[in-house]
């Protein structure tokens, strides 16, 4: 069972994503980029994937990933959930456009975990 860090500033969206993913994964949630940084730094285990909204007040999902990567000097797998415009993707980065179905969310997470096996901690 993979451990995922899910970050979204909208409590209902956060709860929905966590509920969908918790049937197959261990899910840790954060309501902001700042909270996610603190959780990531203090979490004693391995976090395989970060699922984050891109547009959040205070710190965007892109800024969160940039900070984590600067702190750890490595790139981490991420699924960006957004209703905004296109963002670059690669082997360990993907964008899931809102609105999406629970099946779409599960598929996107599964594909990223397969592509980026090895995790991030």
PDB file of N, CA and C in Angstrom:
ATOM      1  N   UNK A   1       0.854  -1.182   0.000  1.00  0.00           N
ATOM      2  CA  UNK A   1       0.000   0.000   0.000  1.00  0.00           C
ATOM      3  C   UNK A   1       0.894   1.237   0.000  1.00  0.00           C
ATOM      4  N   UNK A   2       0.773   2.061  -1.024  1.00  0.00           N
ATOM      5  CA  UNK A   2       1.575   3.276  -1.154  1.00  0.00           C
ATOM      6  C   UNK A   2       1.041   4.369  -0.233  1.00  0.00           C
ATOM      7  N   UNK A   3       1.941   5.220   0.226  1.00  0.00           N
ATOM      8  CA  UNK A   3       1.559   6.377   1.029  1.00  0.00           C
ATOM      9  C   UNK A   3       1.555   7.604   0.133  1.00  0.00           C
ATOM     10  N   UNK A   4       0.424   8.329   0.156  1.00  0.00           N
ATOM     11  CA  UNK A   4       0.247   9.520  -0.654  1.00  0.00           C
ATOM     12  C   UNK A   4       0.038  10.726   0.248  1.00  0.00           C
ATOM     13  N   UNK A   5       0.595  11.863  -0.125  1.00  0.00           N
ATOM     14  CA  UNK A   5       0.331  13.132   0.542  1.00  0.00           C
ATOM     15  C   UNK A   5      -0.590  13.918  -0.383  1.00  0.00           C
ATOM     16  N   UNK A   6      -1.804  14.206   0.078  1.00  0.00           N
ATOM     17  CA  UNK A   6      -2.801  14.921  -0.711  1.00  0.00           C
ATOM     18  C   UNK A   6      -2.936  16.332  -0.150  1.00  0.00           C
ATOM     19  N   UNK A   7      -2.813  17.332  -1.031  1.00  0.00           N
ATOM     20  CA  UNK A   7      -2.820  18.734  -0.613  1.00  0.00           C
ATOM     21  C   UNK A   7      -3.858  19.506  -1.419  1.00  0.00           C
ATOM     22  N   UNK A   8      -4.813  20.111  -0.720  1.00  0.00           N
ATOM     23  CA  UNK A   8      -5.806  20.960  -1.373  1.00  0.00           C
ATOM     24  C   UNK A   8      -6.372  21.927  -0.340  1.00  0.00           C
ATOM     25  N   UNK A   9      -6.551  23.176  -0.722  1.00  0.00           N
ATOM     26  CA  UNK A   9      -7.046  24.189   0.212  1.00  0.00           C
ATOM     27  C   UNK A   9      -8.560  24.165   0.371  1.00  0.00           C
ATOM     28  N   UNK A  10      -9.247  23.413  -0.462  1.00  0.00           N
ATOM     29  CA  UNK A  10     -10.697  23.303  -0.335  1.00  0.00           C
ATOM     30  C   UNK A  10     -11.030  22.016   0.418  1.00  0.00           C
ATOM     31  N   UNK A  11     -11.546  22.138   1.655  1.00  0.00           N
ATOM     32  CA  UNK A  11     -11.785  20.959   2.494  1.00  0.00           C
ATOM     33  C   UNK A  11     -12.635  19.869   1.842  1.00  0.00           C
ATOM     34  N   UNK A  12     -13.680  20.241   1.099  1.00  0.00           N
ATOM     35  CA  UNK A  12     -14.523  19.222   0.472  1.00  0.00           C
ATOM     36  C   UNK A  12     -13.769  18.458  -0.612  1.00  0.00           C
ATOM     37  N   UNK A  13     -12.971  19.158  -1.402  1.00  0.00           N
ATOM     38  CA  UNK A  13     -12.182  18.506  -2.446  1.00  0.00           C
ATOM     39  C   UNK A  13     -11.135  17.604  -1.805  1.00  0.00           C
ATOM     40  N   UNK A  14     -10.485  18.106  -0.763  1.00  0.00           N
ATOM     41  CA  UNK A  14      -9.480  17.324  -0.039  1.00  0.00           C
ATOM     42  C   UNK A  14     -10.095  16.036   0.509  1.00  0.00           C
ATOM     43  N   UNK A  15     -11.250  16.168   1.126  1.00  0.00           N
ATOM     44  CA  UNK A  15     -11.928  15.005   1.700  1.00  0.00           C
ATOM     45  C   UNK A  15     -12.340  14.006   0.612  1.00  0.00           C
ATOM     46  N   UNK A  16     -12.828  14.510  -0.513  1.00  0.00           N
ATOM     47  CA  UNK A  16     -13.240  13.640  -1.612  1.00  0.00           C
ATOM     48  C   UNK A  16     -12.047  12.872  -2.184  1.00  0.00           C
ATOM     49  N   UNK A  17     -10.956  13.578  -2.465  1.00  0.00           N
ATOM     50  CA  UNK A  17      -9.774  12.916  -3.017  1.00  0.00           C
ATOM     51  C   UNK A  17      -9.239  11.878  -2.040  1.00  0.00           C
ATOM     52  N   UNK A  18      -9.139  12.258  -0.764  1.00  0.00           N
ATOM     53  CA  UNK A  18      -8.642  11.328   0.252  1.00  0.00           C
ATOM     54  C   UNK A  18      -9.541  10.107   0.370  1.00  0.00           C
ATOM     55  N   UNK A  19     -10.846  10.310   0.322  1.00  0.00           N
ATOM     56  CA  UNK A  19     -11.797   9.203   0.430  1.00  0.00           C
ATOM     57  C   UNK A  19     -11.648   8.231  -0.735  1.00  0.00           C
ATOM     58  N   UNK A  20     -11.527   8.758  -1.943  1.00  0.00           N
ATOM     59  CA  UNK A  20     -11.383   7.913  -3.133  1.00  0.00           C
ATOM     60  C   UNK A  20     -10.089   7.102  -3.062  1.00  0.00           C
ATOM     61  N   UNK A  21      -8.996   7.771  -2.684  1.00  0.00           N
ATOM     62  CA  UNK A  21      -7.688   7.111  -2.710  1.00  0.00           C
ATOM     63  C   UNK A  21      -7.427   6.212  -1.503  1.00  0.00           C
ATOM     64  N   UNK A  22      -8.112   6.454  -0.396  1.00  0.00           N
ATOM     65  CA  UNK A  22      -7.834   5.677   0.816  1.00  0.00           C
ATOM     66  C   UNK A  22      -8.290   4.227   0.721  1.00  0.00           C
ATOM     67  N   UNK A  23      -9.096   3.901  -0.290  1.00  0.00           N
ATOM     68  CA  UNK A  23      -9.493   2.495  -0.454  1.00  0.00           C
ATOM     69  C   UNK A  23      -8.332   1.639  -0.957  1.00  0.00           C
ATOM     70  N   UNK A  24      -7.315   2.278  -1.567  1.00  0.00           N
ATOM     71  CA  UNK A  24      -6.182   1.529  -2.117  1.00  0.00           C
ATOM     72  C   UNK A  24      -4.822   1.984  -1.590  1.00  0.00           C
ATOM     73  N   UNK A  25      -4.794   3.108  -0.877  1.00  0.00           N
ATOM     74  CA  UNK A  25      -3.524   3.679  -0.429  1.00  0.00           C
ATOM     75  C   UNK A  25      -3.649   4.250   0.971  1.00  0.00           C
ATOM     76  N   UNK A  26      -2.514   4.454   1.607  1.00  0.00           N
ATOM     77  CA  UNK A  26      -2.465   5.191   2.864  1.00  0.00           C
ATOM     78  C   UNK A  26      -2.394   6.668   2.483  1.00  0.00           C
ATOM     79  N   UNK A  27      -3.307   7.470   3.013  1.00  0.00           N
ATOM     80  CA  UNK A  27      -3.411   8.871   2.607  1.00  0.00           C
ATOM     81  C   UNK A  27      -3.191   9.799   3.796  1.00  0.00           C
ATOM     82  N   UNK A  28      -2.290  10.759   3.595  1.00  0.00           N
ATOM     83  CA  UNK A  28      -2.045  11.831   4.549  1.00  0.00           C
ATOM     84  C   UNK A  28      -2.547  13.099   3.878  1.00  0.00           C
ATOM     85  N   UNK A  29      -3.244  13.974   4.611  1.00  0.00           N
ATOM     86  CA  UNK A  29      -3.786  15.176   3.988  1.00  0.00           C
ATOM     87  C   UNK A  29      -3.207  16.445   4.597  1.00  0.00           C
ATOM     88  N   UNK A  30      -3.197  17.491   3.771  1.00  0.00           N
ATOM     89  CA  UNK A  30      -2.772  18.823   4.201  1.00  0.00           C
ATOM     90  C   UNK A  30      -3.652  19.842   3.489  1.00  0.00           C
ATOM     91  N   UNK A  31      -4.013  20.912   4.198  1.00  0.00           N
ATOM     92  CA  UNK A  31      -4.888  21.940   3.631  1.00  0.00           C
ATOM     93  C   UNK A  31      -4.123  23.118   3.034  1.00  0.00           C
ATOM     94  N   UNK A  32      -2.792  23.055   3.032  1.00  0.00           N
ATOM     95  CA  UNK A  32      -1.998  24.136   2.446  1.00  0.00           C
ATOM     96  C   UNK A  32      -0.608  23.609   2.114  1.00  0.00           C
ATOM     97  N   UNK A  33       0.094  24.371   1.294  1.00  0.00           N
ATOM     98  CA  UNK A  33       1.465  24.012   0.975  1.00  0.00           C
ATOM     99  C   UNK A  33       2.360  24.052   2.197  1.00  0.00           C
ATOM    100  N   UNK A  34       2.145  25.040   3.055  1.00  0.00           N
ATOM    101  CA  UNK A  34       2.945  25.166   4.285  1.00  0.00           C
ATOM    102  C   UNK A  34       2.747  23.943   5.173  1.00  0.00           C
ATOM    103  N   UNK A  35       1.490  23.535   5.357  1.00  0.00           N
ATOM    104  CA  UNK A  35       1.199  22.349   6.166  1.00  0.00           C
ATOM    105  C   UNK A  35       1.812  21.102   5.519  1.00  0.00           C
ATOM    106  N   UNK A  36       1.740  21.003   4.209  1.00  0.00           N
ATOM    107  CA  UNK A  36       2.309  19.856   3.505  1.00  0.00           C
ATOM    108  C   UNK A  36       3.818  19.772   3.707  1.00  0.00           C
ATOM    109  N   UNK A  37       4.513  20.908   3.657  1.00  0.00           N
ATOM    110  CA  UNK A  37       5.959  20.920   3.905  1.00  0.00           C
ATOM    111  C   UNK A  37       6.277  20.378   5.291  1.00  0.00           C
ATOM    112  N   UNK A  38       5.528  20.839   6.286  1.00  0.00           N
ATOM    113  CA  UNK A  38       5.762  20.389   7.657  1.00  0.00           C
ATOM    114  C   UNK A  38       5.504  18.894   7.802  1.00  0.00           C
ATOM    115  N   UNK A  39       4.425  18.413   7.207  1.00  0.00           N
ATOM    116  CA  UNK A  39       4.111  16.985   7.267  1.00  0.00           C
ATOM    117  C   UNK A  39       5.195  16.172   6.575  1.00  0.00           C
ATOM    118  N   UNK A  40       5.589  16.607   5.392  1.00  0.00           N
ATOM    119  CA  UNK A  40       6.603  15.892   4.627  1.00  0.00           C
ATOM    120  C   UNK A  40       7.902  15.772   5.424  1.00  0.00           C
ATOM    121  N   UNK A  41       8.311  16.860   6.055  1.00  0.00           N
ATOM    122  CA  UNK A  41       9.574  16.867   6.798  1.00  0.00           C
ATOM    123  C   UNK A  41       9.510  16.017   8.064  1.00  0.00           C
ATOM    124  N   UNK A  42       8.341  15.889   8.658  1.00  0.00           N
ATOM    125  CA  UNK A  42       8.242  15.152   9.923  1.00  0.00           C
ATOM    126  C   UNK A  42       7.749  13.717   9.764  1.00  0.00           C
ATOM    127  N   UNK A  43       7.279  13.351   8.576  1.00  0.00           N
ATOM    128  CA  UNK A  43       6.724  12.016   8.376  1.00  0.00           C
ATOM    129  C   UNK A  43       7.842  10.980   8.462  1.00  0.00           C
ATOM    130  N   UNK A  44       7.673   9.975   9.320  1.00  0.00           N
ATOM    131  CA  UNK A  44       8.748   9.002   9.532  1.00  0.00           C
ATOM    132  C   UNK A  44       8.879   7.944   8.439  1.00  0.00           C
ATOM    133  N   UNK A  45       7.874   7.820   7.610  1.00  0.00           N
ATOM    134  CA  UNK A  45       7.899   6.779   6.584  1.00  0.00           C
ATOM    135  C   UNK A  45       8.212   7.317   5.211  1.00  0.00           C
ATOM    136  N   UNK A  46       7.864   6.510   4.214  1.00  0.00           N
ATOM    137  CA  UNK A  46       8.127   6.829   2.813  1.00  0.00           C
ATOM    138  C   UNK A  46       6.846   7.326   2.150  1.00  0.00           C
ATOM    139  N   UNK A  47       6.900   8.477   1.511  1.00  0.00           N
ATOM    140  CA  UNK A  47       5.773   9.013   0.754  1.00  0.00           C
ATOM    141  C   UNK A  47       6.078   8.785  -0.720  1.00  0.00           C
ATOM    142  N   UNK A  48       5.239   8.005  -1.394  1.00  0.00           N
ATOM    143  CA  UNK A  48       5.506   7.651  -2.784  1.00  0.00           C
ATOM    144  C   UNK A  48       5.041   8.690  -3.792  1.00  0.00           C
ATOM    145  N   UNK A  49       4.014   9.476  -3.444  1.00  0.00           N
ATOM    146  CA  UNK A  49       3.449  10.406  -4.416  1.00  0.00           C
ATOM    147  C   UNK A  49       2.777  11.564  -3.697  1.00  0.00           C
ATOM    148  N   UNK A  50       2.906  12.753  -4.290  1.00  0.00           N
ATOM    149  CA  UNK A  50       2.198  13.925  -3.791  1.00  0.00           C
ATOM    150  C   UNK A  50       1.111  14.272  -4.800  1.00  0.00           C
ATOM    151  N   UNK A  51      -0.127  14.361  -4.320  1.00  0.00           N
ATOM    152  CA  UNK A  51      -1.273  14.773  -5.131  1.00  0.00           C
ATOM    153  C   UNK A  51      -1.638  16.162  -4.636  1.00  0.00           C
ATOM    154  N   UNK A  52      -1.458  17.175  -5.477  1.00  0.00           N
ATOM    155  CA  UNK A  52      -1.660  18.543  -5.013  1.00  0.00           C
ATOM    156  C   UNK A  52      -2.428  19.393  -6.010  1.00  0.00           C
ATOM    157  N   UNK A  53      -3.264  20.262  -5.459  1.00  0.00           N
ATOM    158  CA  UNK A  53      -3.896  21.287  -6.266  1.00  0.00           C
ATOM    159  C   UNK A  53      -2.789  22.237  -6.717  1.00  0.00           C
ATOM    160  N   UNK A  54      -2.914  22.809  -7.884  1.00  0.00           N
ATOM    161  CA  UNK A  54      -1.911  23.776  -8.329  1.00  0.00           C
ATOM    162  C   UNK A  54      -2.198  25.144  -7.737  1.00  0.00           C
ATOM    163  N   UNK A  55      -3.455  25.582  -7.795  1.00  0.00           N
ATOM    164  CA  UNK A  55      -3.811  26.926  -7.367  1.00  0.00           C
ATOM    165  C   UNK A  55      -4.311  26.912  -5.933  1.00  0.00           C
ATOM    166  N   UNK A  56      -3.444  27.395  -5.025  1.00  0.00           N
ATOM    167  CA  UNK A  56      -3.802  27.497  -3.613  1.00  0.00           C
ATOM    168  C   UNK A  56      -3.253  28.819  -3.089  1.00  0.00           C
ATOM    169  N   UNK A  57      -3.938  29.429  -2.123  1.00  0.00           N
ATOM    170  CA  UNK A  57      -3.418  30.672  -1.554  1.00  0.00           C
ATOM    171  C   UNK A  57      -2.153  30.409  -0.733  1.00  0.00           C
ATOM    172  N   UNK A  58      -1.265  31.370  -0.732  1.00  0.00           N
ATOM    173  CA  UNK A  58      -0.048  31.253   0.074  1.00  0.00           C
ATOM    174  C   UNK A  58       1.074  30.536  -0.635  1.00  0.00           C
ATOM    175  N   UNK A  59       0.825  29.332  -1.101  1.00  0.00           N
ATOM    176  CA  UNK A  59       1.844  28.544  -1.795  1.00  0.00           C
ATOM    177  C   UNK A  59       1.145  27.612  -2.780  1.00  0.00           C
ATOM    178  N   UNK A  60       1.442  27.760  -4.037  1.00  0.00           N
ATOM    179  CA  UNK A  60       0.817  26.902  -5.054  1.00  0.00           C
ATOM    180  C   UNK A  60       1.418  25.499  -4.984  1.00  0.00           C
ATOM    181  N   UNK A  61       0.767  24.574  -5.645  1.00  0.00           N
ATOM    182  CA  UNK A  61       1.308  23.219  -5.726  1.00  0.00           C
ATOM    183  C   UNK A  61       2.659  23.177  -6.421  1.00  0.00           C
ATOM    184  N   UNK A  62       2.834  24.036  -7.416  1.00  0.00           N
ATOM    185  CA  UNK A  62       4.123  24.112  -8.105  1.00  0.00           C
ATOM    186  C   UNK A  62       5.210  24.630  -7.172  1.00  0.00           C
ATOM    187  N   UNK A  63       4.877  25.637  -6.363  1.00  0.00           N
ATOM    188  CA  UNK A  63       5.834  26.165  -5.386  1.00  0.00           C
ATOM    189  C   UNK A  63       6.167  25.118  -4.323  1.00  0.00           C
ATOM    190  N   UNK A  64       5.159  24.371  -3.890  1.00  0.00           N
ATOM    191  CA  UNK A  64       5.381  23.301  -2.914  1.00  0.00           C
ATOM    192  C   UNK A  64       6.402  22.314  -3.452  1.00  0.00           C
ATOM    193  N   UNK A  65       6.213  21.864  -4.667  1.00  0.00           N
ATOM    194  CA  UNK A  65       7.142  20.898  -5.244  1.00  0.00           C
ATOM    195  C   UNK A  65       8.538  21.495  -5.403  1.00  0.00           C
ATOM    196  N   UNK A  66       8.615  22.755  -5.819  1.00  0.00           N
ATOM    197  CA  UNK A  66       9.920  23.412  -5.970  1.00  0.00           C
ATOM    198  C   UNK A  66      10.646  23.504  -4.623  1.00  0.00           C
ATOM    199  N   UNK A  67       9.917  23.814  -3.568  1.00  0.00           N
ATOM    200  CA  UNK A  67      10.539  23.897  -2.233  1.00  0.00           C
ATOM    201  C   UNK A  67      11.023  22.537  -1.748  1.00  0.00           C
ATOM    202  N   UNK A  68      10.191  21.515  -1.925  1.00  0.00           N
ATOM    203  CA  UNK A  68      10.606  20.167  -1.520  1.00  0.00           C
ATOM    204  C   UNK A  68      11.858  19.737  -2.269  1.00  0.00           C
ATOM    205  N   UNK A  69      11.880  20.021  -3.543  1.00  0.00           N
ATOM    206  CA  UNK A  69      13.026  19.614  -4.359  1.00  0.00           C
ATOM    207  C   UNK A  69      14.278  20.403  -4.016  1.00  0.00           C
ATOM    208  N   UNK A  70      14.125  21.681  -3.660  1.00  0.00           N
ATOM    209  CA  UNK A  70      15.278  22.483  -3.242  1.00  0.00           C
ATOM    210  C   UNK A  70      15.814  21.976  -1.900  1.00  0.00           C
ATOM    211  N   UNK A  71      14.916  21.614  -0.998  1.00  0.00           N
ATOM    212  CA  UNK A  71      15.332  21.115   0.321  1.00  0.00           C
ATOM    213  C   UNK A  71      16.037  19.763   0.237  1.00  0.00           C
ATOM    214  N   UNK A  72      15.597  18.923  -0.672  1.00  0.00           N
ATOM    215  CA  UNK A  72      16.107  17.550  -0.755  1.00  0.00           C
ATOM    216  C   UNK A  72      17.002  17.297  -1.967  1.00  0.00           C
ATOM    217  N   UNK A  73      17.157  18.301  -2.801  1.00  0.00           N
ATOM    218  CA  UNK A  73      18.025  18.211  -3.982  1.00  0.00           C
ATOM    219  C   UNK A  73      17.687  17.006  -4.863  1.00  0.00           C
ATOM    220  N   UNK A  74      16.381  16.791  -5.052  1.00  0.00           N
ATOM    221  CA  UNK A  74      15.906  15.731  -5.949  1.00  0.00           C
ATOM    222  C   UNK A  74      14.488  16.031  -6.415  1.00  0.00           C
ATOM    223  N   UNK A  75      14.088  15.383  -7.477  1.00  0.00           N
ATOM    224  CA  UNK A  75      12.753  15.561  -8.051  1.00  0.00           C
ATOM    225  C   UNK A  75      11.812  14.504  -7.480  1.00  0.00           C
ATOM    226  N   UNK A  76      10.590  14.918  -7.150  1.00  0.00           N
ATOM    227  CA  UNK A  76       9.618  14.020  -6.558  1.00  0.00           C
ATOM    228  C   UNK A  76       8.412  13.820  -7.479  1.00  0.00           C
ATOM    229  N   UNK A  77       7.836  12.621  -7.506  1.00  0.00           N
ATOM    230  CA  UNK A  77       6.630  12.371  -8.295  1.00  0.00           C
ATOM    231  C   UNK A  77       5.446  13.187  -7.779  1.00  0.00           C
ATOM    232  N   UNK A  78       4.667  13.731  -8.712  1.00  0.00           N
ATOM    233  CA  UNK A  78       3.518  14.539  -8.321  1.00  0.00           C
ATOM    234  C   UNK A  78       2.395  14.423  -9.337  1.00  0.00           C
ATOM    235  N   UNK A  79       1.177  14.419  -8.814  1.00  0.00           N
ATOM    236  CA  UNK A  79      -0.022  14.529  -9.633  1.00  0.00           C
ATOM    237  C   UNK A  79      -0.635  15.881  -9.302  1.00  0.00           C
ATOM    238  N   UNK A  80      -0.673  16.770 -10.283  1.00  0.00           N
ATOM    239  CA  UNK A  80      -1.255  18.095 -10.097  1.00  0.00           C
ATOM    240  C   UNK A  80      -2.719  18.040 -10.504  1.00  0.00           C
ATOM    241  N   UNK A  81      -3.592  18.443  -9.581  1.00  0.00           N
ATOM    242  CA  UNK A  81      -5.025  18.467  -9.831  1.00  0.00           C
ATOM    243  C   UNK A  81      -5.408  19.931 -10.028  1.00  0.00           C
ATOM    244  N   UNK A  82      -6.014  20.243 -11.176  1.00  0.00           N
ATOM    245  CA  UNK A  82      -6.281  21.645 -11.464  1.00  0.00           C
ATOM    246  C   UNK A  82      -7.414  21.824 -12.460  1.00  0.00           C
ATOM    247  N   UNK A  83      -7.993  22.987 -12.413  1.00  0.00           N
ATOM    248  CA  UNK A  83      -8.946  23.398 -13.419  1.00  0.00           C
ATOM    249  C   UNK A  83      -8.322  24.447 -14.324  1.00  0.00           C
ATOM    250  N   UNK A  84      -7.065  24.762 -14.067  1.00  0.00           N
ATOM    251  CA  UNK A  84      -6.353  25.813 -14.798  1.00  0.00           C
ATOM    252  C   UNK A  84      -5.805  25.289 -16.122  1.00  0.00           C
ATOM    253  N   UNK A  85      -4.960  26.086 -16.749  1.00  0.00           N
ATOM    254  CA  UNK A  85      -4.418  25.752 -18.057  1.00  0.00           C
ATOM    255  C   UNK A  85      -3.388  24.632 -17.987  1.00  0.00           C
ATOM    256  N   UNK A  86      -2.813  24.323 -19.115  1.00  0.00           N
ATOM    257  CA  UNK A  86      -1.868  23.213 -19.234  1.00  0.00           C
ATOM    258  C   UNK A  86      -0.556  23.461 -18.497  1.00  0.00           C
ATOM    259  N   UNK A  87       0.029  22.408 -18.010  1.00  0.00           N
ATOM    260  CA  UNK A  87       1.324  22.438 -17.351  1.00  0.00           C
ATOM    261  C   UNK A  87       2.171  21.313 -17.909  1.00  0.00           C
ATOM    262  N   UNK A  88       3.493  21.495 -17.911  1.00  0.00           N
ATOM    263  CA  UNK A  88       4.349  20.441 -18.464  1.00  0.00           C
ATOM    264  C   UNK A  88       4.275  19.163 -17.627  1.00  0.00           C
ATOM    265  N   UNK A  89       4.306  18.044 -18.313  1.00  0.00           N
ATOM    266  CA  UNK A  89       4.289  16.749 -17.644  1.00  0.00           C
ATOM    267  C   UNK A  89       5.471  15.936 -18.151  1.00  0.00           C
ATOM    268  N   UNK A  90       5.840  14.913 -17.390  1.00  0.00           N
ATOM    269  CA  UNK A  90       6.883  13.988 -17.805  1.00  0.00           C
ATOM    270  C   UNK A  90       6.621  12.653 -17.140  1.00  0.00           C
ATOM    271  N   UNK A  91       7.611  11.800 -17.099  1.00  0.00           N
ATOM    272  CA  UNK A  91       7.430  10.448 -16.570  1.00  0.00           C
ATOM    273  C   UNK A  91       6.834  10.436 -15.167  1.00  0.00           C
ATOM    274  N   UNK A  92       7.278  11.338 -14.304  1.00  0.00           N
ATOM    275  CA  UNK A  92       6.833  11.323 -12.901  1.00  0.00           C
ATOM    276  C   UNK A  92       6.018  12.556 -12.520  1.00  0.00           C
ATOM    277  N   UNK A  93       5.478  13.232 -13.511  1.00  0.00           N
ATOM    278  CA  UNK A  93       4.601  14.375 -13.278  1.00  0.00           C
ATOM    279  C   UNK A  93       3.416  14.265 -14.219  1.00  0.00           C
ATOM    280  N   UNK A  94       2.222  14.478 -13.684  1.00  0.00           N
ATOM    281  CA  UNK A  94       1.028  14.441 -14.516  1.00  0.00           C
ATOM    282  C   UNK A  94       0.046  15.484 -14.021  1.00  0.00           C
ATOM    283  N   UNK A  95      -0.877  15.851 -14.892  1.00  0.00           N
ATOM    284  CA  UNK A  95      -1.936  16.800 -14.553  1.00  0.00           C
ATOM    285  C   UNK A  95      -3.271  16.099 -14.738  1.00  0.00           C
ATOM    286  N   UNK A  96      -4.120  16.208 -13.731  1.00  0.00           N
ATOM    287  CA  UNK A  96      -5.486  15.688 -13.807  1.00  0.00           C
ATOM    288  C   UNK A  96      -6.413  16.898 -13.786  1.00  0.00           C
ATOM    289  N   UNK A  97      -7.130  17.097 -14.868  1.00  0.00           N
ATOM    290  CA  UNK A  97      -7.970  18.283 -15.008  1.00  0.00           C
ATOM    291  C   UNK A  97      -9.307  18.095 -14.301  1.00  0.00           C
ATOM    292  N   UNK A  98      -9.727  19.120 -13.563  1.00  0.00           N
ATOM    293  CA  UNK A  98     -11.044  19.137 -12.925  1.00  0.00           C
ATOM    294  C   UNK A  98     -12.079  19.499 -13.971  1.00  0.00           C
ATOM    295  N   UNK A  99     -13.261  18.943 -13.907  1.00  0.00           N
ATOM    296  CA  UNK A  99     -13.707  17.884 -13.001  1.00  0.00           C
ATOM    297  C   UNK A  99     -13.219  16.518 -13.490  1.00  0.00           C
ATOM    298  N   UNK A 100     -13.071  15.600 -12.558  1.00  0.00           N
ATOM    299  CA  UNK A 100     -12.622  14.256 -12.888  1.00  0.00           C
ATOM    300  C   UNK A 100     -13.455  13.253 -12.103  1.00  0.00           C
ATOM    301  N   UNK A 101     -13.457  12.025 -12.580  1.00  0.00           N
ATOM    302  CA  UNK A 101     -14.207  10.974 -11.895  1.00  0.00           C
ATOM    303  C   UNK A 101     -13.297  10.260 -10.902  1.00  0.00           C
ATOM    304  N   UNK A 102     -13.867   9.556  -9.939  1.00  0.00           N
ATOM    305  CA  UNK A 102     -13.028   8.753  -9.040  1.00  0.00           C
ATOM    306  C   UNK A 102     -12.148   7.764  -9.805  1.00  0.00           C
ATOM    307  N   UNK A 103     -12.683   7.175 -10.868  1.00  0.00           N
ATOM    308  CA  UNK A 103     -11.885   6.227 -11.666  1.00  0.00           C
ATOM    309  C   UNK A 103     -10.709   6.929 -12.333  1.00  0.00           C
ATOM    310  N   UNK A 104     -10.937   8.148 -12.844  1.00  0.00           N
ATOM    311  CA  UNK A 104      -9.842   8.925 -13.452  1.00  0.00           C
ATOM    312  C   UNK A 104      -8.737   9.191 -12.431  1.00  0.00           C
ATOM    313  N   UNK A 105      -9.125   9.557 -11.220  1.00  0.00           N
ATOM    314  CA  UNK A 105      -8.162   9.838 -10.152  1.00  0.00           C
ATOM    315  C   UNK A 105      -7.356   8.594  -9.807  1.00  0.00           C
ATOM    316  N   UNK A 106      -8.044   7.478  -9.599  1.00  0.00           N
ATOM    317  CA  UNK A 106      -7.354   6.235  -9.272  1.00  0.00           C
ATOM    318  C   UNK A 106      -6.411   5.809 -10.379  1.00  0.00           C
ATOM    319  N   UNK A 107      -6.855   5.939 -11.633  1.00  0.00           N
ATOM    320  CA  UNK A 107      -6.006   5.566 -12.769  1.00  0.00           C
ATOM    321  C   UNK A 107      -4.760   6.439 -12.855  1.00  0.00           C
ATOM    322  N   UNK A 108      -4.916   7.737 -12.663  1.00  0.00           N
ATOM    323  CA  UNK A 108      -3.772   8.650 -12.734  1.00  0.00           C
ATOM    324  C   UNK A 108      -2.747   8.328 -11.647  1.00  0.00           C
ATOM    325  N   UNK A 109      -3.214   8.059 -10.437  1.00  0.00           N
ATOM    326  CA  UNK A 109      -2.316   7.703  -9.336  1.00  0.00           C
ATOM    327  C   UNK A 109      -1.619   6.379  -9.628  1.00  0.00           C
ATOM    328  N   UNK A 110      -2.377   5.398 -10.079  1.00  0.00           N
ATOM    329  CA  UNK A 110      -1.800   4.079 -10.376  1.00  0.00           C
ATOM    330  C   UNK A 110      -0.709   4.175 -11.447  1.00  0.00           C
ATOM    331  N   UNK A 111      -0.980   4.923 -12.512  1.00  0.00           N
ATOM    332  CA  UNK A 111      -0.012   5.064 -13.590  1.00  0.00           C
ATOM    333  C   UNK A 111       1.257   5.776 -13.131  1.00  0.00           C
ATOM    334  N   UNK A 112       1.108   6.823 -12.314  1.00  0.00           N
ATOM    335  CA  UNK A 112       2.291   7.524 -11.801  1.00  0.00           C
ATOM    336  C   UNK A 112       3.097   6.636 -10.862  1.00  0.00           C
ATOM    337  N   UNK A 113       2.431   5.909 -10.002  1.00  0.00           N
ATOM    338  CA  UNK A 113       3.155   5.017  -9.086  1.00  0.00           C
ATOM    339  C   UNK A 113       3.923   3.951  -9.863  1.00  0.00           C
ATOM    340  N   UNK A 114       3.332   3.424 -10.924  1.00  0.00           N
ATOM    341  CA  UNK A 114       4.029   2.438 -11.761  1.00  0.00           C
ATOM    342  C   UNK A 114       5.215   3.061 -12.478  1.00  0.00           C
ATOM    343  N   UNK A 115       5.034   4.243 -13.015  1.00  0.00           N
ATOM    344  CA  UNK A 115       6.092   4.915 -13.766  1.00  0.00           C
ATOM    345  C   UNK A 115       7.255   5.351 -12.881  1.00  0.00           C
ATOM    346  N   UNK A 116       6.944   5.653 -11.637  1.00  0.00           N
ATOM    347  CA  UNK A 116       7.950   6.240 -10.740  1.00  0.00           C
ATOM    348  C   UNK A 116       8.261   5.325  -9.567  1.00  0.00           C
ATOM    349  N   UNK A 117       8.179   4.034  -9.758  1.00  0.00           N
ATOM    350  CA  UNK A 117       8.414   3.113  -8.656  1.00  0.00           C
ATOM    351  C   UNK A 117       9.751   3.418  -7.991  1.00  0.00           C
ATOM    352  N   UNK A 118       9.756   3.310  -6.713  1.00  0.00           N
ATOM    353  CA  UNK A 118      10.938   3.663  -5.940  1.00  0.00           C
ATOM    354  C   UNK A 118      10.604   4.724  -4.917  1.00  0.00           C
ATOM    355  N   UNK A 119       9.531   5.494  -5.149  1.00  0.00           N
ATOM    356  CA  UNK A 119       9.061   6.453  -4.162  1.00  0.00           C
ATOM    357  C   UNK A 119       9.975   7.650  -3.988  1.00  0.00           C
ATOM    358  N   UNK A 120       9.710   8.402  -2.918  1.00  0.00           N
ATOM    359  CA  UNK A 120      10.411   9.659  -2.746  1.00  0.00           C
ATOM    360  C   UNK A 120      11.061   9.863  -1.393  1.00  0.00           C
ATOM    361  N   UNK A 121      11.027   8.949  -0.502  1.00  0.00           N
ATOM    362  CA  UNK A 121      11.732   9.175   0.775  1.00  0.00           C
ATOM    363  C   UNK A 121      12.592   8.003   1.145  1.00  0.00           C
TER     364      UNK A 121
END
